[in-house]
C-alpha cells in the first residue's frame, strides 16, 4: 500500500483546513498564508522510513519519519510535536 504514495502530488483543495490549523494552535498570519499555498508534495519511501518534501513558491519543508515509531517532529511553522505515524488499510 505504501508504494501508492511514492512520487509527486499536487495539492488541489481542502475543506476546513483553516479551522484545523486554528484548533492545533497555528497563529492567524501563518494560518492565512498556509491556506493560500498550494504545495507540491513528494514522497520517497525506503522500508518504513519515509521522506516527504513539500515545495511551494514560499518555502520547501522536509519531513522524515519512520512508520509506527514515536518520534519528535518539527512542523512547518516551527512547533515541536511527538508523532507516531501509521497507515491503516
N, C-alpha and C. Protein backbone atom coordinates (compact mmCIF):
# COMPACT_ATOMS: atom_id res chain seq x y z
N UNK A 1 0.82 -1.20 0.00
CA UNK A 1 0.00 0.00 0.00
C UNK A 1 0.86 1.27 0.00
N UNK A 2 1.96 1.25 0.75
CA UNK A 2 2.80 2.45 0.86
C UNK A 2 3.33 2.89 -0.50
N UNK A 3 3.59 1.93 -1.39
CA UNK A 3 4.15 2.28 -2.69
C UNK A 3 3.22 3.16 -3.51
N UNK A 4 1.94 3.19 -3.17
CA UNK A 4 0.99 4.04 -3.89
C UNK A 4 1.22 5.53 -3.59
N UNK A 5 1.95 5.82 -2.51
CA UNK A 5 2.25 7.21 -2.15
C UNK A 5 3.47 7.75 -2.88
N UNK A 6 4.35 6.87 -3.33
CA UNK A 6 5.61 7.29 -3.93
C UNK A 6 5.36 8.18 -5.14
N UNK A 7 6.12 9.27 -5.20
CA UNK A 7 6.03 10.18 -6.34
C UNK A 7 5.65 11.58 -5.92
N UNK A 8 5.24 12.38 -6.90
CA UNK A 8 4.88 13.78 -6.66
C UNK A 8 3.37 13.95 -6.74
N UNK A 9 2.84 14.78 -5.84
CA UNK A 9 1.41 15.04 -5.74
C UNK A 9 1.17 16.53 -5.71
N UNK A 10 0.20 17.00 -6.44
CA UNK A 10 -0.16 18.41 -6.49
C UNK A 10 -1.36 18.65 -5.58
N UNK A 11 -1.23 19.60 -4.67
CA UNK A 11 -2.32 19.98 -3.78
C UNK A 11 -3.43 20.63 -4.61
N UNK A 12 -4.65 20.16 -4.43
CA UNK A 12 -5.77 20.69 -5.21
C UNK A 12 -6.71 21.50 -4.34
N UNK A 13 -7.18 20.93 -3.24
CA UNK A 13 -8.22 21.60 -2.45
C UNK A 13 -8.25 21.02 -1.04
N UNK A 14 -8.83 21.77 -0.11
CA UNK A 14 -9.03 21.28 1.25
C UNK A 14 -10.30 21.87 1.82
N UNK A 15 -10.91 21.15 2.72
CA UNK A 15 -12.10 21.63 3.42
C UNK A 15 -11.75 21.83 4.89
N UNK A 16 -12.10 22.98 5.44
CA UNK A 16 -11.93 23.28 6.87
C UNK A 16 -10.47 23.26 7.33
N UNK A 17 -9.54 23.48 6.42
CA UNK A 17 -8.12 23.48 6.77
C UNK A 17 -7.81 24.60 7.76
N UNK A 18 -8.38 25.79 7.54
CA UNK A 18 -8.16 26.91 8.45
C UNK A 18 -8.66 26.61 9.86
N UNK A 19 -9.81 25.96 9.96
CA UNK A 19 -10.36 25.58 11.27
C UNK A 19 -9.43 24.59 11.97
N UNK A 20 -8.92 23.63 11.20
CA UNK A 20 -7.98 22.66 11.76
C UNK A 20 -6.73 23.36 12.29
N UNK A 21 -6.14 24.24 11.47
CA UNK A 21 -4.93 24.95 11.88
C UNK A 21 -5.16 25.77 13.14
N UNK A 22 -6.31 26.41 13.23
CA UNK A 22 -6.64 27.19 14.42
C UNK A 22 -6.73 26.29 15.65
N UNK A 23 -7.37 25.14 15.49
CA UNK A 23 -7.55 24.21 16.60
C UNK A 23 -6.22 23.67 17.13
N UNK A 24 -5.25 23.49 16.25
CA UNK A 24 -3.95 22.97 16.70
C UNK A 24 -2.98 24.07 17.10
N UNK A 25 -3.46 25.32 17.13
CA UNK A 25 -2.67 26.40 17.70
C UNK A 25 -1.84 27.23 16.73
N UNK A 26 -2.10 27.13 15.44
CA UNK A 26 -1.36 27.93 14.46
C UNK A 26 -1.91 29.35 14.48
N UNK A 27 -1.03 30.34 14.54
CA UNK A 27 -1.43 31.75 14.61
C UNK A 27 -2.10 32.24 13.34
N UNK A 28 -2.78 33.39 13.47
CA UNK A 28 -3.59 33.94 12.37
C UNK A 28 -2.80 34.17 11.09
N UNK A 29 -1.65 34.84 11.20
CA UNK A 29 -0.87 35.17 10.00
C UNK A 29 -0.40 33.90 9.29
N UNK A 30 0.09 32.94 10.06
CA UNK A 30 0.56 31.68 9.47
C UNK A 30 -0.59 30.90 8.87
N UNK A 31 -1.74 30.89 9.55
CA UNK A 31 -2.94 30.21 9.01
C UNK A 31 -3.35 30.80 7.68
N UNK A 32 -3.37 32.13 7.61
CA UNK A 32 -3.78 32.81 6.38
C UNK A 32 -2.84 32.46 5.23
N UNK A 33 -1.54 32.48 5.49
CA UNK A 33 -0.57 32.14 4.46
C UNK A 33 -0.70 30.67 4.06
N UNK A 34 -0.85 29.79 5.04
CA UNK A 34 -0.94 28.35 4.76
C UNK A 34 -2.13 28.01 3.89
N UNK A 35 -3.24 28.72 4.08
CA UNK A 35 -4.44 28.44 3.30
C UNK A 35 -4.30 28.90 1.85
N UNK A 36 -3.38 29.81 1.59
CA UNK A 36 -3.19 30.32 0.23
C UNK A 36 -2.19 29.49 -0.58
N UNK A 37 -1.39 28.70 0.11
CA UNK A 37 -0.33 27.92 -0.54
C UNK A 37 -0.90 26.63 -1.12
N UNK A 38 -0.47 26.30 -2.30
CA UNK A 38 -0.85 25.04 -2.96
C UNK A 38 0.45 24.28 -3.26
N UNK A 39 1.00 23.58 -2.26
CA UNK A 39 2.31 22.96 -2.44
C UNK A 39 2.27 21.70 -3.31
N UNK A 40 3.45 21.34 -3.77
CA UNK A 40 3.64 20.03 -4.40
C UNK A 40 4.28 19.15 -3.34
N UNK A 41 3.76 17.95 -3.15
CA UNK A 41 4.31 17.00 -2.18
C UNK A 41 5.04 15.89 -2.92
N UNK A 42 6.21 15.54 -2.42
CA UNK A 42 6.97 14.44 -2.99
C UNK A 42 7.24 13.43 -1.87
N UNK A 43 6.85 12.18 -2.11
CA UNK A 43 7.06 11.11 -1.14
C UNK A 43 8.13 10.16 -1.65
N UNK A 44 9.10 9.87 -0.77
CA UNK A 44 10.13 8.86 -1.03
C UNK A 44 10.07 7.87 0.12
N UNK A 45 10.12 6.58 -0.18
CA UNK A 45 9.97 5.56 0.85
C UNK A 45 11.06 4.52 0.72
N UNK A 46 11.68 4.18 1.87
CA UNK A 46 12.68 3.12 1.94
C UNK A 46 12.31 2.25 3.14
N UNK A 47 11.59 1.16 2.90
CA UNK A 47 11.10 0.33 4.00
C UNK A 47 10.07 1.10 4.80
N UNK A 48 10.30 1.24 6.12
CA UNK A 48 9.40 2.02 6.97
C UNK A 48 9.83 3.48 7.09
N UNK A 49 10.93 3.85 6.44
CA UNK A 49 11.42 5.24 6.51
C UNK A 49 10.84 6.04 5.34
N UNK A 50 10.18 7.13 5.68
CA UNK A 50 9.54 8.00 4.69
C UNK A 50 10.19 9.37 4.70
N UNK A 51 10.22 9.98 3.54
CA UNK A 51 10.66 11.37 3.40
C UNK A 51 9.60 12.10 2.58
N UNK A 52 9.05 13.16 3.16
CA UNK A 52 8.05 13.97 2.47
C UNK A 52 8.63 15.37 2.29
N UNK A 53 8.66 15.83 1.06
CA UNK A 53 9.13 17.17 0.74
C UNK A 53 7.95 17.98 0.22
N UNK A 54 7.67 19.09 0.88
CA UNK A 54 6.59 19.99 0.48
C UNK A 54 7.23 21.25 -0.11
N UNK A 55 6.94 21.50 -1.38
CA UNK A 55 7.55 22.63 -2.08
C UNK A 55 6.47 23.59 -2.56
N UNK A 56 6.65 24.87 -2.25
CA UNK A 56 5.72 25.91 -2.73
C UNK A 56 6.55 27.10 -3.19
N UNK A 57 5.87 28.14 -3.65
CA UNK A 57 6.58 29.34 -4.08
C UNK A 57 7.26 30.04 -2.90
N UNK A 58 6.81 29.76 -1.67
CA UNK A 58 7.35 30.44 -0.49
C UNK A 58 8.45 29.68 0.23
N UNK A 59 8.35 28.35 0.24
CA UNK A 59 9.29 27.58 1.05
C UNK A 59 9.34 26.12 0.63
N UNK A 60 10.37 25.45 1.09
CA UNK A 60 10.46 24.00 0.97
C UNK A 60 10.63 23.45 2.37
N UNK A 61 9.81 22.47 2.71
CA UNK A 61 9.83 21.86 4.04
C UNK A 61 10.00 20.37 3.87
N UNK A 62 10.94 19.77 4.60
CA UNK A 62 11.20 18.34 4.51
C UNK A 62 10.88 17.69 5.85
N UNK A 63 10.15 16.60 5.79
CA UNK A 63 9.77 15.84 6.98
C UNK A 63 10.18 14.38 6.76
N UNK A 64 11.00 13.84 7.66
CA UNK A 64 11.38 12.43 7.58
C UNK A 64 10.89 11.72 8.82
N UNK A 65 10.39 10.50 8.63
CA UNK A 65 9.84 9.75 9.76
C UNK A 65 9.85 8.26 9.46
N UNK A 66 9.74 7.47 10.54
CA UNK A 66 9.64 6.02 10.44
C UNK A 66 8.24 5.61 10.89
N UNK A 67 7.54 4.86 10.06
CA UNK A 67 6.19 4.43 10.40
C UNK A 67 6.20 3.58 11.67
N UNK A 68 5.18 3.80 12.51
CA UNK A 68 4.99 3.00 13.71
C UNK A 68 5.95 3.29 14.84
N UNK A 69 6.72 4.36 14.76
CA UNK A 69 7.70 4.69 15.79
C UNK A 69 7.42 6.10 16.31
N UNK A 70 7.28 6.24 17.63
CA UNK A 70 7.07 7.57 18.20
C UNK A 70 8.36 8.37 18.06
N UNK A 71 8.21 9.59 17.55
CA UNK A 71 9.38 10.43 17.32
C UNK A 71 9.01 11.90 17.35
N UNK A 72 10.01 12.72 17.60
CA UNK A 72 9.81 14.17 17.64
C UNK A 72 9.88 14.72 16.22
N UNK A 73 8.96 15.63 15.90
CA UNK A 73 8.94 16.28 14.59
C UNK A 73 8.77 17.77 14.76
N UNK A 74 9.38 18.52 13.88
CA UNK A 74 9.16 19.97 13.81
C UNK A 74 8.16 20.23 12.71
N UNK A 75 7.16 21.05 12.99
CA UNK A 75 6.17 21.40 11.98
C UNK A 75 6.74 22.49 11.08
N UNK A 76 6.05 22.74 9.97
CA UNK A 76 6.50 23.76 9.03
C UNK A 76 6.55 25.14 9.68
N UNK A 77 5.73 25.37 10.73
CA UNK A 77 5.74 26.67 11.40
C UNK A 77 6.61 26.68 12.66
N UNK A 78 7.44 25.62 12.84
CA UNK A 78 8.44 25.63 13.90
C UNK A 78 8.04 24.99 15.22
N UNK A 79 6.82 24.51 15.34
CA UNK A 79 6.41 23.86 16.59
C UNK A 79 7.00 22.45 16.66
N UNK A 80 7.20 21.94 17.88
CA UNK A 80 7.71 20.59 18.08
C UNK A 80 6.58 19.70 18.57
N UNK A 81 6.43 18.54 17.94
CA UNK A 81 5.37 17.59 18.29
C UNK A 81 5.97 16.20 18.44
N UNK A 82 5.32 15.37 19.24
CA UNK A 82 5.63 13.94 19.27
C UNK A 82 4.60 13.27 18.38
N UNK A 83 5.05 12.47 17.42
CA UNK A 83 4.14 11.82 16.48
C UNK A 83 4.44 10.33 16.39
N UNK A 84 3.42 9.57 16.04
CA UNK A 84 3.56 8.16 15.73
C UNK A 84 2.67 7.91 14.52
N UNK A 85 3.27 7.90 13.35
CA UNK A 85 2.52 7.82 12.10
C UNK A 85 2.33 6.38 11.67
N UNK A 86 1.10 6.07 11.24
CA UNK A 86 0.74 4.71 10.82
C UNK A 86 -0.14 4.78 9.58
N UNK A 87 -0.13 3.71 8.81
CA UNK A 87 -1.03 3.58 7.67
C UNK A 87 -1.97 2.42 7.96
N UNK A 88 -3.25 2.66 7.83
CA UNK A 88 -4.25 1.62 8.01
C UNK A 88 -4.86 1.28 6.66
N UNK A 89 -5.02 0.02 6.38
CA UNK A 89 -5.60 -0.40 5.10
C UNK A 89 -7.08 -0.65 5.23
